[in-house]
């Protein structure tokens, strides 16, 4: 009944060229033509360009993002639970966190072409782009769930997101905690290493932190993030690349 309603409504609404492009893009990404195109328009609407609706709140993709985040987490948990029947809770939690972290989802959003679909204020700092596409991906998942139901959404996540884009063997052996790796190296080499917050900027109710890794008092690398912890992790990752610590660990 719901599909019939949205099918009739969409047929009565005159589709613009923009709507036609979005419909085609969603069909290619999801594997099925959308019933309720409005959901997908909303999923591609960042809060920086959202307009205030009749109910008095901004019509952005944030609510869909919240929903999609929960569904994605549940599907990934189920996927890993079945794939690794003899692994413990700690292993499953760690691999899930690697799959659904901001950096991973943002790259996946780009791979799917969401960077060509998301509408946002282009004057935003480039650092903000690191979350826009991942958030849009979660909003897209929320839209698919509402439009086509959980079973279809689960298959979409497993067949079109997890299987093609996540190589689990590589992910399992990939260095994840760069900060710990860096600290262990400094202790082993008897070097003085510290993490320092250099700057904090506020932008549209969000904070952007800049952290530095110092080695013997000199700045080795800097990183940015929406929290001090994330900024330090980014700086640690760049420091590990400079020191080639990941390469050394891979050969151990």
C-alpha atoms as a PDB file:
ATOM      1  CA  UNK A   1       0.000   0.000   0.000  1.00  0.00           C
ATOM      2  CA  UNK A   2       2.825   2.364   0.901  1.00  0.00           C
ATOM      3  CA  UNK A   3       4.600   1.659  -2.398  1.00  0.00           C
ATOM      4  CA  UNK A   4       1.384   2.275  -4.322  1.00  0.00           C
ATOM      5  CA  UNK A   5       0.899   5.609  -2.534  1.00  0.00           C
ATOM      6  CA  UNK A   6       4.398   6.863  -3.310  1.00  0.00           C
ATOM      7  CA  UNK A   7       4.228   5.507  -6.845  1.00  0.00           C
ATOM      8  CA  UNK A   8       1.042   7.488  -7.534  1.00  0.00           C
ATOM      9  CA  UNK A   9       2.390  10.588  -5.811  1.00  0.00           C
ATOM     10  CA  UNK A  10       5.673  10.502  -7.738  1.00  0.00           C
ATOM     11  CA  UNK A  11       3.870   9.965 -11.018  1.00  0.00           C
ATOM     12  CA  UNK A  12       1.731  13.046 -10.394  1.00  0.00           C
ATOM     13  CA  UNK A  13       4.738  15.173  -9.470  1.00  0.00           C
ATOM     14  CA  UNK A  14       6.604  16.590 -12.430  1.00  0.00           C
ATOM     15  CA  UNK A  15      10.154  15.310 -12.171  1.00  0.00           C
ATOM     16  CA  UNK A  16      12.902  17.805 -12.875  1.00  0.00           C
ATOM     17  CA  UNK A  17      16.128  16.885 -14.634  1.00  0.00           C
ATOM     18  CA  UNK A  18      17.773  16.956 -11.222  1.00  0.00           C
ATOM     19  CA  UNK A  19      15.230  14.413  -9.931  1.00  0.00           C
ATOM     20  CA  UNK A  20      15.813  12.186 -12.952  1.00  0.00           C
ATOM     21  CA  UNK A  21      19.575  12.215 -12.359  1.00  0.00           C
ATOM     22  CA  UNK A  22      19.075  11.395  -8.688  1.00  0.00           C
ATOM     23  CA  UNK A  23      16.668   8.565  -9.530  1.00  0.00           C
ATOM     24  CA  UNK A  24      19.187   7.045 -11.940  1.00  0.00           C
ATOM     25  CA  UNK A  25      22.040   7.428  -9.451  1.00  0.00           C
ATOM     26  CA  UNK A  26      20.055   5.777  -6.654  1.00  0.00           C
ATOM     27  CA  UNK A  27      19.056   2.930  -8.965  1.00  0.00           C
ATOM     28  CA  UNK A  28      22.710   2.321  -9.861  1.00  0.00           C
ATOM     29  CA  UNK A  29      23.903   2.497  -6.250  1.00  0.00           C
ATOM     30  CA  UNK A  30      21.071   0.626  -4.559  1.00  0.00           C
ATOM     31  CA  UNK A  31      20.082  -1.716  -7.389  1.00  0.00           C
ATOM     32  CA  UNK A  32      16.436  -0.685  -7.483  1.00  0.00           C
ATOM     33  CA  UNK A  33      14.437   2.382  -8.479  1.00  0.00           C
ATOM     34  CA  UNK A  34      13.287   4.440  -5.471  1.00  0.00           C
ATOM     35  CA  UNK A  35       9.614   4.440  -4.492  1.00  0.00           C
ATOM     36  CA  UNK A  36       9.819   7.598  -2.374  1.00  0.00           C
ATOM     37  CA  UNK A  37      12.341   9.914  -4.036  1.00  0.00           C
ATOM     38  CA  UNK A  38      11.843  12.543  -1.332  1.00  0.00           C
ATOM     39  CA  UNK A  39      13.701  10.339   1.158  1.00  0.00           C
ATOM     40  CA  UNK A  40      16.762  10.240  -1.091  1.00  0.00           C
ATOM     41  CA  UNK A  41      16.623  13.991  -1.733  1.00  0.00           C
ATOM     42  CA  UNK A  42      16.667  14.459   2.029  1.00  0.00           C
ATOM     43  CA  UNK A  43      19.536  11.975   2.435  1.00  0.00           C
ATOM     44  CA  UNK A  44      21.663  14.110   0.111  1.00  0.00           C
ATOM     45  CA  UNK A  45      20.809  17.377   1.910  1.00  0.00           C
ATOM     46  CA  UNK A  46      23.549  18.498   4.324  1.00  0.00           C
ATOM     47  CA  UNK A  47      22.546  20.707   7.245  1.00  0.00           C
ATOM     48  CA  UNK A  48      24.666  23.586   5.877  1.00  0.00           C
ATOM     49  CA  UNK A  49      22.179  24.129   3.025  1.00  0.00           C
ATOM     50  CA  UNK A  50      19.009  22.817   4.687  1.00  0.00           C
ATOM     51  CA  UNK A  51      15.908  24.987   4.670  1.00  0.00           C
ATOM     52  CA  UNK A  52      13.484  25.347   7.560  1.00  0.00           C
ATOM     53  CA  UNK A  53      10.300  23.376   6.863  1.00  0.00           C
ATOM     54  CA  UNK A  54       6.719  23.943   7.909  1.00  0.00           C
ATOM     55  CA  UNK A  55       7.257  22.156  11.223  1.00  0.00           C
ATOM     56  CA  UNK A  56       9.915  24.723  12.141  1.00  0.00           C
ATOM     57  CA  UNK A  57      13.050  22.570  11.919  1.00  0.00           C
ATOM     58  CA  UNK A  58      15.736  22.268   9.259  1.00  0.00           C
ATOM     59  CA  UNK A  59      15.114  19.523   6.710  1.00  0.00           C
ATOM     60  CA  UNK A  60      18.568  17.976   6.534  1.00  0.00           C
ATOM     61  CA  UNK A  61      19.874  14.415   6.412  1.00  0.00           C
ATOM     62  CA  UNK A  62      20.757  14.297  10.113  1.00  0.00           C
ATOM     63  CA  UNK A  63      17.740  12.250  11.251  1.00  0.00           C
ATOM     64  CA  UNK A  64      18.220   9.759   8.413  1.00  0.00           C
ATOM     65  CA  UNK A  65      21.912   9.594   9.324  1.00  0.00           C
ATOM     66  CA  UNK A  66      20.987   8.649  12.897  1.00  0.00           C
ATOM     67  CA  UNK A  67      18.707   5.875  11.639  1.00  0.00           C
ATOM     68  CA  UNK A  68      21.176   4.589   9.046  1.00  0.00           C
ATOM     69  CA  UNK A  69      24.005   4.506  11.592  1.00  0.00           C
ATOM     70  CA  UNK A  70      21.987   2.179  13.840  1.00  0.00           C
ATOM     71  CA  UNK A  71      20.964  -0.111  10.969  1.00  0.00           C
ATOM     72  CA  UNK A  72      24.490  -0.283   9.522  1.00  0.00           C
ATOM     73  CA  UNK A  73      25.950  -1.157  12.920  1.00  0.00           C
ATOM     74  CA  UNK A  74      23.419  -3.955  13.425  1.00  0.00           C
ATOM     75  CA  UNK A  75      23.914  -5.432   9.937  1.00  0.00           C
ATOM     76  CA  UNK A  76      27.715  -5.344  10.196  1.00  0.00           C
ATOM     77  CA  UNK A  77      27.543  -6.969  13.636  1.00  0.00           C
ATOM     78  CA  UNK A  78      25.336  -9.754  12.260  1.00  0.00           C
ATOM     79  CA  UNK A  79      27.585 -10.159   9.202  1.00  0.00           C
ATOM     80  CA  UNK A  80      30.749 -10.551  11.299  1.00  0.00           C
ATOM     81  CA  UNK A  81      29.029 -12.763  13.876  1.00  0.00           C
ATOM     82  CA  UNK A  82      28.127 -15.274  11.170  1.00  0.00           C
ATOM     83  CA  UNK A  83      31.412 -14.986   9.244  1.00  0.00           C
ATOM     84  CA  UNK A  84      33.609 -15.585  12.303  1.00  0.00           C
ATOM     85  CA  UNK A  85      31.712 -18.099  14.495  1.00  0.00           C
ATOM     86  CA  UNK A  86      34.701 -18.844  16.739  1.00  0.00           C
ATOM     87  CA  UNK A  87      36.028 -15.319  17.327  1.00  0.00           C
ATOM     88  CA  UNK A  88      35.462 -13.569  20.652  1.00  0.00           C
ATOM     89  CA  UNK A  89      33.526 -10.385  21.360  1.00  0.00           C
ATOM     90  CA  UNK A  90      36.649  -8.221  21.457  1.00  0.00           C
ATOM     91  CA  UNK A  91      37.729  -9.267  17.966  1.00  0.00           C
ATOM     92  CA  UNK A  92      34.237  -8.703  16.495  1.00  0.00           C
ATOM     93  CA  UNK A  93      33.921  -5.280  18.131  1.00  0.00           C
ATOM     94  CA  UNK A  94      37.347  -4.177  16.887  1.00  0.00           C
ATOM     95  CA  UNK A  95      36.722  -5.231  13.272  1.00  0.00           C
ATOM     96  CA  UNK A  96      33.277  -3.633  13.258  1.00  0.00           C
ATOM     97  CA  UNK A  97      34.750  -0.352  14.514  1.00  0.00           C
ATOM     98  CA  UNK A  98      37.340  -0.427  11.726  1.00  0.00           C
ATOM     99  CA  UNK A  99      34.609  -0.953   9.124  1.00  0.00           C
ATOM    100  CA  UNK A 100      32.209   1.762  10.278  1.00  0.00           C
ATOM    101  CA  UNK A 101      34.575   4.504  11.474  1.00  0.00           C
ATOM    102  CA  UNK A 102      34.287   7.995   9.977  1.00  0.00           C
ATOM    103  CA  UNK A 103      37.308   7.695   7.696  1.00  0.00           C
ATOM    104  CA  UNK A 104      36.196   4.347   6.291  1.00  0.00           C
ATOM    105  CA  UNK A 105      32.598   5.440   5.667  1.00  0.00           C
ATOM    106  CA  UNK A 106      33.673   8.729   4.143  1.00  0.00           C
ATOM    107  CA  UNK A 107      35.896   6.913   1.635  1.00  0.00           C
ATOM    108  CA  UNK A 108      33.111   4.444   0.874  1.00  0.00           C
ATOM    109  CA  UNK A 109      30.728   7.356   0.269  1.00  0.00           C
ATOM    110  CA  UNK A 110      33.195   8.747  -2.249  1.00  0.00           C
ATOM    111  CA  UNK A 111      33.594   5.358  -3.915  1.00  0.00           C
ATOM    112  CA  UNK A 112      29.827   5.187  -4.389  1.00  0.00           C
ATOM    113  CA  UNK A 113      29.794   8.638  -5.991  1.00  0.00           C
ATOM    114  CA  UNK A 114      27.988  10.427  -3.164  1.00  0.00           C
ATOM    115  CA  UNK A 115      30.439  13.324  -3.468  1.00  0.00           C
ATOM    116  CA  UNK A 116      28.647  14.103  -6.753  1.00  0.00           C
ATOM    117  CA  UNK A 117      25.195  13.958  -5.136  1.00  0.00           C
ATOM    118  CA  UNK A 118      25.459  15.565  -1.701  1.00  0.00           C
ATOM    119  CA  UNK A 119      24.421  19.214  -1.502  1.00  0.00           C
ATOM    120  CA  UNK A 120      26.380  21.281   1.000  1.00  0.00           C
ATOM    121  CA  UNK A 121      27.817  24.746   1.489  1.00  0.00           C
ATOM    122  CA  UNK A 122      31.043  24.778  -0.528  1.00  0.00           C
ATOM    123  CA  UNK A 123      32.479  27.434   1.781  1.00  0.00           C
ATOM    124  CA  UNK A 124      32.857  24.876   4.567  1.00  0.00           C
ATOM    125  CA  UNK A 125      36.419  24.135   5.591  1.00  0.00           C
ATOM    126  CA  UNK A 126      37.960  21.275   3.618  1.00  0.00           C
ATOM    127  CA  UNK A 127      38.487  19.373   6.872  1.00  0.00           C
ATOM    128  CA  UNK A 128      34.683  19.142   7.191  1.00  0.00           C
ATOM    129  CA  UNK A 129      34.528  17.125   3.969  1.00  0.00           C
ATOM    130  CA  UNK A 130      35.971  14.166   5.865  1.00  0.00           C
ATOM    131  CA  UNK A 131      32.578  13.488   7.469  1.00  0.00           C
ATOM    132  CA  UNK A 132      30.062  14.783   4.916  1.00  0.00           C
ATOM    133  CA  UNK A 133      30.139  11.782   2.563  1.00  0.00           C
ATOM    134  CA  UNK A 134      30.189   9.179   5.331  1.00  0.00           C
ATOM    135  CA  UNK A 135      27.242  10.879   7.003  1.00  0.00           C
ATOM    136  CA  UNK A 136      25.423  10.956   3.658  1.00  0.00           C
ATOM    137  CA  UNK A 137      26.066   7.224   3.251  1.00  0.00           C
ATOM    138  CA  UNK A 138      24.425   6.538   6.608  1.00  0.00           C
ATOM    139  CA  UNK A 139      21.529   8.788   5.618  1.00  0.00           C
ATOM    140  CA  UNK A 140      21.210   6.849   2.351  1.00  0.00           C
ATOM    141  CA  UNK A 141      20.992   3.604   4.329  1.00  0.00           C
ATOM    142  CA  UNK A 142      18.271   5.165   6.466  1.00  0.00           C
ATOM    143  CA  UNK A 143      16.408   6.205   3.319  1.00  0.00           C
ATOM    144  CA  UNK A 144      16.682   2.705   1.808  1.00  0.00           C
ATOM    145  CA  UNK A 145      15.350   1.206   5.043  1.00  0.00           C
ATOM    146  CA  UNK A 146      12.314   3.510   5.123  1.00  0.00           C
ATOM    147  CA  UNK A 147      11.698   3.178   1.391  1.00  0.00           C
ATOM    148  CA  UNK A 148      12.123  -0.576   0.938  1.00  0.00           C
ATOM    149  CA  UNK A 149      12.135  -2.216   4.360  1.00  0.00           C
ATOM    150  CA  UNK A 150      14.757  -3.939   6.492  1.00  0.00           C
ATOM    151  CA  UNK A 151      15.253  -7.123   4.434  1.00  0.00           C
ATOM    152  CA  UNK A 152      16.051  -5.199   1.253  1.00  0.00           C
ATOM    153  CA  UNK A 153      18.253  -2.752   3.174  1.00  0.00           C
ATOM    154  CA  UNK A 154      20.195  -5.614   4.787  1.00  0.00           C
ATOM    155  CA  UNK A 155      20.873  -7.193   1.386  1.00  0.00           C
ATOM    156  CA  UNK A 156      21.903  -3.802  -0.008  1.00  0.00           C
ATOM    157  CA  UNK A 157      24.465  -3.339   2.772  1.00  0.00           C
ATOM    158  CA  UNK A 158      25.855  -6.870   2.510  1.00  0.00           C
ATOM    159  CA  UNK A 159      25.908  -7.264  -1.286  1.00  0.00           C
ATOM    160  CA  UNK A 160      26.667  -3.724  -2.440  1.00  0.00           C
ATOM    161  CA  UNK A 161      28.720  -2.272   0.420  1.00  0.00           C
ATOM    162  CA  UNK A 162      30.431  -4.954   2.502  1.00  0.00           C
ATOM    163  CA  UNK A 163      31.348  -7.593  -0.084  1.00  0.00           C
ATOM    164  CA  UNK A 164      32.742  -5.278  -2.813  1.00  0.00           C
ATOM    165  CA  UNK A 165      34.519  -2.698  -0.645  1.00  0.00           C
ATOM    166  CA  UNK A 166      35.768  -4.425   2.522  1.00  0.00           C
ATOM    167  CA  UNK A 167      38.601  -6.956   2.249  1.00  0.00           C
ATOM    168  CA  UNK A 168      38.429  -8.428   5.737  1.00  0.00           C
ATOM    169  CA  UNK A 169      41.776 -10.247   5.716  1.00  0.00           C
ATOM    170  CA  UNK A 170      43.540  -6.982   4.897  1.00  0.00           C
ATOM    171  CA  UNK A 171      41.453  -5.102   7.444  1.00  0.00           C
ATOM    172  CA  UNK A 172      42.230  -7.589  10.213  1.00  0.00           C
ATOM    173  CA  UNK A 173      46.007  -7.290   9.729  1.00  0.00           C
ATOM    174  CA  UNK A 174      46.041  -3.546   9.164  1.00  0.00           C
ATOM    175  CA  UNK A 175      47.549  -1.402  11.914  1.00  0.00           C
ATOM    176  CA  UNK A 176      44.701   0.398  13.631  1.00  0.00           C
ATOM    177  CA  UNK A 177      46.040   1.944  16.834  1.00  0.00           C
ATOM    178  CA  UNK A 178      48.777   4.189  15.485  1.00  0.00           C
ATOM    179  CA  UNK A 179      49.076   6.046  18.780  1.00  0.00           C
ATOM    180  CA  UNK A 180      49.983   2.873  20.701  1.00  0.00           C
ATOM    181  CA  UNK A 181      52.394   1.821  17.960  1.00  0.00           C
ATOM    182  CA  UNK A 182      54.097   5.214  18.125  1.00  0.00           C
ATOM    183  CA  UNK A 183      54.374   5.203  21.928  1.00  0.00           C
ATOM    184  CA  UNK A 184      55.804   1.664  21.913  1.00  0.00           C
ATOM    185  CA  UNK A 185      58.401   2.717  19.327  1.00  0.00           C
ATOM    186  CA  UNK A 186      59.418   5.791  21.375  1.00  0.00           C
ATOM    187  CA  UNK A 187      59.834   3.705  24.544  1.00  0.00           C
ATOM    188  CA  UNK A 188      61.867   1.090  22.696  1.00  0.00           C
ATOM    189  CA  UNK A 189      64.126   3.736  21.130  1.00  0.00           C
ATOM    190  CA  UNK A 190      64.306   5.766  24.351  1.00  0.00           C
ATOM    191  CA  UNK A 191      62.955   8.871  22.582  1.00  0.00           C
ATOM    192  CA  UNK A 192      60.898  11.681  24.157  1.00  0.00           C
ATOM    193  CA  UNK A 193      57.523  11.787  22.413  1.00  0.00           C
ATOM    194  CA  UNK A 194      54.465  13.875  23.296  1.00  0.00           C
ATOM    195  CA  UNK A 195      51.017  14.801  21.967  1.00  0.00           C
ATOM    196  CA  UNK A 196      50.088  18.491  22.033  1.00  0.00           C
ATOM    197  CA  UNK A 197      46.870  20.331  21.115  1.00  0.00           C
ATOM    198  CA  UNK A 198      47.939  23.306  19.000  1.00  0.00           C
ATOM    199  CA  UNK A 199      44.638  24.922  18.114  1.00  0.00           C
ATOM    200  CA  UNK A 200      40.848  24.755  18.508  1.00  0.00           C
ATOM    201  CA  UNK A 201      38.451  26.333  16.010  1.00  0.00           C
ATOM    202  CA  UNK A 202      34.676  26.567  16.115  1.00  0.00           C
ATOM    203  CA  UNK A 203      32.548  26.335  12.971  1.00  0.00           C
ATOM    204  CA  UNK A 204      28.746  26.062  12.844  1.00  0.00           C
ATOM    205  CA  UNK A 205      28.510  24.675  16.404  1.00  0.00           C
ATOM    206  CA  UNK A 206      31.304  22.181  15.678  1.00  0.00           C
ATOM    207  CA  UNK A 207      34.851  22.248  16.993  1.00  0.00           C
ATOM    208  CA  UNK A 208      37.943  21.413  14.942  1.00  0.00           C
ATOM    209  CA  UNK A 209      41.056  20.462  16.908  1.00  0.00           C
ATOM    210  CA  UNK A 210      44.635  20.502  15.649  1.00  0.00           C
ATOM    211  CA  UNK A 211      47.075  18.192  17.407  1.00  0.00           C
ATOM    212  CA  UNK A 212      50.805  17.648  16.992  1.00  0.00           C
ATOM    213  CA  UNK A 213      53.189  14.794  17.697  1.00  0.00           C
ATOM    214  CA  UNK A 214      56.473  16.156  19.032  1.00  0.00           C
ATOM    215  CA  UNK A 215      59.697  14.184  19.040  1.00  0.00           C
ATOM    216  CA  UNK A 216      62.483  15.542  21.275  1.00  0.00           C
ATOM    217  CA  UNK A 217      60.532  18.823  21.353  1.00  0.00           C
ATOM    218  CA  UNK A 218      60.249  19.197  17.563  1.00  0.00           C
ATOM    219  CA  UNK A 219      56.954  18.779  15.673  1.00  0.00           C
ATOM    220  CA  UNK A 220      56.968  15.500  13.777  1.00  0.00           C
ATOM    221  CA  UNK A 221      53.420  15.648  12.395  1.00  0.00           C
ATOM    222  CA  UNK A 222      50.065  17.377  12.849  1.00  0.00           C
ATOM    223  CA  UNK A 223      46.491  16.119  12.569  1.00  0.00           C
ATOM    224  CA  UNK A 224      42.930  17.396  12.747  1.00  0.00           C
ATOM    225  CA  UNK A 225      39.691  16.027  14.154  1.00  0.00           C
ATOM    226  CA  UNK A 226      36.327  16.844  15.704  1.00  0.00           C
ATOM    227  CA  UNK A 227      37.714  15.880  19.136  1.00  0.00           C
ATOM    228  CA  UNK A 228      41.125  16.012  20.793  1.00  0.00           C
ATOM    229  CA  UNK A 229      41.344  12.226  20.638  1.00  0.00           C
ATOM    230  CA  UNK A 230      40.593  12.103  16.917  1.00  0.00           C
ATOM    231  CA  UNK A 231      43.092  14.879  16.193  1.00  0.00           C
ATOM    232  CA  UNK A 232      45.799  13.001  18.095  1.00  0.00           C
ATOM    233  CA  UNK A 233      44.969   9.769  16.234  1.00  0.00           C
ATOM    234  CA  UNK A 234      45.286  11.596  12.908  1.00  0.00           C
ATOM    235  CA  UNK A 235      48.629  13.096  13.937  1.00  0.00           C
ATOM    236  CA  UNK A 236      49.839   9.675  15.150  1.00  0.00           C
ATOM    237  CA  UNK A 237      48.858   8.030  11.856  1.00  0.00           C
ATOM    238  CA  UNK A 238      50.883  10.610   9.891  1.00  0.00           C
ATOM    239  CA  UNK A 239      53.845  10.208  12.250  1.00  0.00           C
ATOM    240  CA  UNK A 240      53.801   6.421  11.735  1.00  0.00           C
ATOM    241  CA  UNK A 241      53.879   6.975   7.977  1.00  0.00           C
ATOM    242  CA  UNK A 242      56.859   9.330   8.302  1.00  0.00           C
ATOM    243  CA  UNK A 243      58.742   6.880  10.509  1.00  0.00           C
ATOM    244  CA  UNK A 244      57.663   3.903   8.357  1.00  0.00           C
ATOM    245  CA  UNK A 245      56.537   2.025  11.461  1.00  0.00           C
ATOM    246  CA  UNK A 246      53.695   0.222   9.672  1.00  0.00           C
ATOM    247  CA  UNK A 247      56.145  -1.194   7.117  1.00  0.00           C
ATOM    248  CA  UNK A 248      58.369  -2.508   9.913  1.00  0.00           C
ATOM    249  CA  UNK A 249      55.451  -4.156  11.685  1.00  0.00           C
ATOM    250  CA  UNK A 250      54.230  -5.847   8.507  1.00  0.00           C
ATOM    251  CA  UNK A 251      57.628  -7.525   8.100  1.00  0.00           C
ATOM    252  CA  UNK A 252      57.820  -8.768  11.675  1.00  0.00           C
END
